[in-house]
Amino acid sequence: MNTFRFVFLSAPRFLAVLLTFAALPTLADTQAATTTTLKIGANRLKVEVAQTDAQREKGLMFRKQLGRDDGMLFIFDEPAYHAMWMKNTLIPLSVAFVDAQDTILNILDMEPQTLDSHAAAGPAIYAIETNKGWFEGRRIKAGDKVAGLPKANR
């Protein structure tokens, strides 16, 4: 009788542990990635690196604020005319698309919680999102170089 009771009480715990372990790969993929610091001219921007599909899909969704000189660096698997949108993103952002030669292709401003597509002007391997107006306020424009980018699959 004690054995039955032990098994009965342990089954919910066992199931909870099993579900936790099953979710670990998903949790690891969506947690905050590593950070790095980019330099554009004399300006520094601390960015979280989003390089997996799950990290890129989540991006800066659901954030209520972003530090003044913080952002997110998206690393794509291959150069293409990538596009960004603002679904479930609560703060206005600017995005700079960057090519494989570390050159900014174009910079676009994006409004919160919209499904508008904001696309690269050429084949981009990176996108950098930060607070709306950050690039403009520092006179950063298309053609400027970005230093400190992690090597992508070029």
Protein backbone atom coordinates (compact mmCIF):
# COMPACT_ATOMS: atom_id res chain seq x y z
CA MET A 1 0.00 0.00 0.00
CA ASN A 2 2.82 2.40 0.76
CA THR A 3 4.32 1.68 -2.66
CA PHE A 4 1.08 2.63 -4.44
CA ARG A 5 0.85 5.85 -2.47
CA PHE A 6 4.49 6.72 -3.27
CA VAL A 7 3.94 6.15 -7.00
CA PHE A 8 0.68 8.08 -6.95
CA LEU A 9 2.30 11.08 -5.24
CA SER A 10 5.43 10.92 -7.41
CA ALA A 11 3.65 10.77 -10.77
CA PRO A 12 2.75 14.51 -10.86
CA ARG A 13 6.27 15.42 -9.77
CA PHE A 14 7.79 13.10 -12.37
CA LEU A 15 5.60 14.64 -15.07
CA ALA A 16 6.59 18.16 -14.00
CA VAL A 17 10.28 17.28 -14.14
CA LEU A 18 9.85 15.58 -17.52
CA LEU A 19 8.07 18.62 -18.96
CA THR A 20 10.75 20.94 -17.58
CA PHE A 21 13.53 18.95 -19.26
CA ALA A 22 11.57 18.79 -22.51
CA ALA A 23 11.27 22.59 -22.53
CA LEU A 24 14.97 23.28 -21.86
CA PRO A 25 16.08 23.50 -25.52
CA THR A 26 13.26 25.95 -26.23
CA LEU A 27 14.02 28.03 -23.15
CA ALA A 28 17.71 28.16 -23.97
CA ASP A 29 16.97 29.27 -27.52
CA THR A 30 14.71 32.14 -26.48
CA GLN A 31 16.68 33.46 -23.53
CA ALA A 32 18.75 36.58 -23.93
CA ALA A 33 21.71 35.88 -26.14
CA THR A 34 25.21 37.12 -25.69
CA THR A 35 25.96 40.81 -25.88
CA THR A 36 28.60 42.73 -27.74
CA THR A 37 29.47 46.35 -28.34
CA LEU A 38 29.37 47.81 -31.83
CA LYS A 39 31.11 51.00 -32.87
CA ILE A 40 29.74 53.28 -35.57
CA GLY A 41 31.98 56.30 -35.98
CA ALA A 42 32.64 57.56 -32.44
CA ASN A 43 29.41 56.00 -31.13
CA ARG A 44 29.11 52.78 -29.15
CA LEU A 45 25.99 50.63 -29.02
CA LYS A 46 25.63 47.66 -26.67
CA VAL A 47 23.58 44.99 -28.43
CA GLU A 48 22.11 41.61 -27.62
CA VAL A 49 22.96 39.15 -30.37
CA ALA A 50 20.03 37.30 -31.99
CA GLN A 51 21.37 34.59 -34.26
CA THR A 52 19.00 31.64 -33.91
CA ASP A 53 15.57 31.48 -35.53
CA ALA A 54 13.85 31.70 -32.13
CA GLN A 55 15.95 34.68 -31.02
CA ARG A 56 15.34 36.52 -34.30
CA GLU A 57 11.59 35.80 -34.17
CA LYS A 58 11.28 37.20 -30.64
CA GLY A 59 13.62 40.15 -31.16
CA LEU A 60 12.67 43.04 -28.89
CA MET A 61 9.02 41.99 -28.54
CA PHE A 62 7.25 42.80 -25.27
CA ARG A 63 10.03 45.08 -23.97
CA LYS A 64 8.75 48.21 -22.26
CA GLN A 65 12.03 50.09 -22.49
CA LEU A 66 15.49 49.92 -23.95
CA GLY A 67 18.61 51.58 -22.57
CA ARG A 68 19.74 54.79 -24.26
CA ASP A 69 22.67 53.13 -26.04
CA ASP A 70 21.30 49.57 -26.18
CA GLY A 71 19.87 47.53 -29.00
CA MET A 72 19.74 44.16 -30.72
CA LEU A 73 21.92 42.77 -33.49
CA PHE A 74 20.23 40.27 -35.80
CA ILE A 75 22.61 37.96 -37.64
CA PHE A 76 21.02 36.29 -40.65
CA ASP A 77 22.04 32.96 -42.15
CA GLU A 78 22.69 34.48 -45.57
CA PRO A 79 22.69 37.88 -47.29
CA ALA A 80 19.23 38.77 -48.58
CA TYR A 81 16.66 41.56 -48.72
CA HIS A 82 15.59 40.85 -45.13
CA ALA A 83 12.66 42.72 -43.60
CA MET A 84 11.59 43.55 -40.06
CA TRP A 85 8.21 44.27 -38.50
CA MET A 86 7.01 45.46 -35.11
CA LYS A 87 4.44 42.85 -34.09
CA ASN A 88 4.18 42.84 -30.27
CA THR A 89 6.98 45.40 -30.03
CA LEU A 90 6.00 48.10 -27.56
CA ILE A 91 8.67 50.75 -28.15
CA PRO A 92 9.46 52.72 -31.33
CA LEU A 93 12.68 51.55 -32.97
CA SER A 94 15.05 52.36 -35.80
CA VAL A 95 16.66 49.59 -37.81
CA ALA A 96 19.89 49.72 -39.80
CA PHE A 97 20.50 46.99 -42.36
CA VAL A 98 24.17 46.10 -42.82
CA ASP A 99 25.85 44.16 -45.63
CA ALA A 100 28.65 41.58 -45.51
CA GLN A 101 31.24 44.36 -45.86
CA ASP A 102 29.98 45.93 -42.59
CA THR A 103 28.45 48.89 -44.44
CA ILE A 104 25.04 50.31 -43.51
CA LEU A 105 22.69 49.89 -46.47
CA ASN A 106 19.74 51.87 -45.12
CA ILE A 107 18.13 53.02 -41.88
CA LEU A 108 14.38 53.02 -41.25
CA ASP A 109 12.17 54.16 -38.37
CA MET A 110 9.50 51.75 -37.16
CA GLU A 111 6.35 52.36 -35.13
CA PRO A 112 5.27 50.04 -32.29
CA GLN A 113 2.80 47.21 -32.76
CA THR A 114 2.51 47.41 -36.53
CA LEU A 115 2.80 44.77 -39.22
CA ASP A 116 4.40 47.15 -41.74
CA SER A 117 7.39 45.60 -43.47
CA HIS A 118 10.71 47.48 -43.28
CA ALA A 119 13.15 46.00 -45.79
CA ALA A 120 16.85 46.18 -46.50
CA ALA A 121 17.87 48.25 -49.54
CA GLY A 122 20.25 45.48 -50.59
CA PRO A 123 21.48 42.05 -49.51
CA ALA A 124 21.93 42.39 -45.74
CA ILE A 125 23.54 39.91 -43.38
CA TYR A 126 22.84 42.01 -40.25
CA ALA A 127 20.12 44.27 -38.86
CA ILE A 128 20.66 46.54 -35.88
CA GLU A 129 17.61 47.71 -33.91
CA THR A 130 17.77 50.45 -31.32
CA ASN A 131 15.66 53.30 -29.99
CA LYS A 132 13.93 55.33 -32.68
CA GLY A 133 16.08 58.26 -33.72
CA TRP A 134 19.34 56.86 -32.28
CA PHE A 135 21.06 56.77 -35.69
CA GLU A 136 19.69 60.13 -36.83
CA GLY A 137 20.64 61.82 -33.54
CA ARG A 138 24.25 60.71 -34.06
CA ARG A 139 24.28 61.58 -37.77
CA ILE A 140 24.79 57.94 -38.74
CA LYS A 141 23.69 57.25 -42.30
CA ALA A 142 23.79 54.73 -45.14
CA GLY A 143 27.37 54.13 -46.24
CA ASP A 144 28.81 54.35 -42.71
CA LYS A 145 30.83 51.37 -41.45
CA VAL A 146 30.03 49.29 -38.36
CA ALA A 147 32.93 47.89 -36.32
CA GLY A 148 32.74 44.98 -33.90
CA LEU A 149 30.27 42.83 -35.83
CA PRO A 150 30.63 39.12 -35.07
CA LYS A 151 31.48 37.11 -38.15
CA ALA A 152 28.36 35.86 -39.90
CA ASN A 153 28.09 33.07 -42.46
CA ARG A 154 29.47 35.12 -45.30
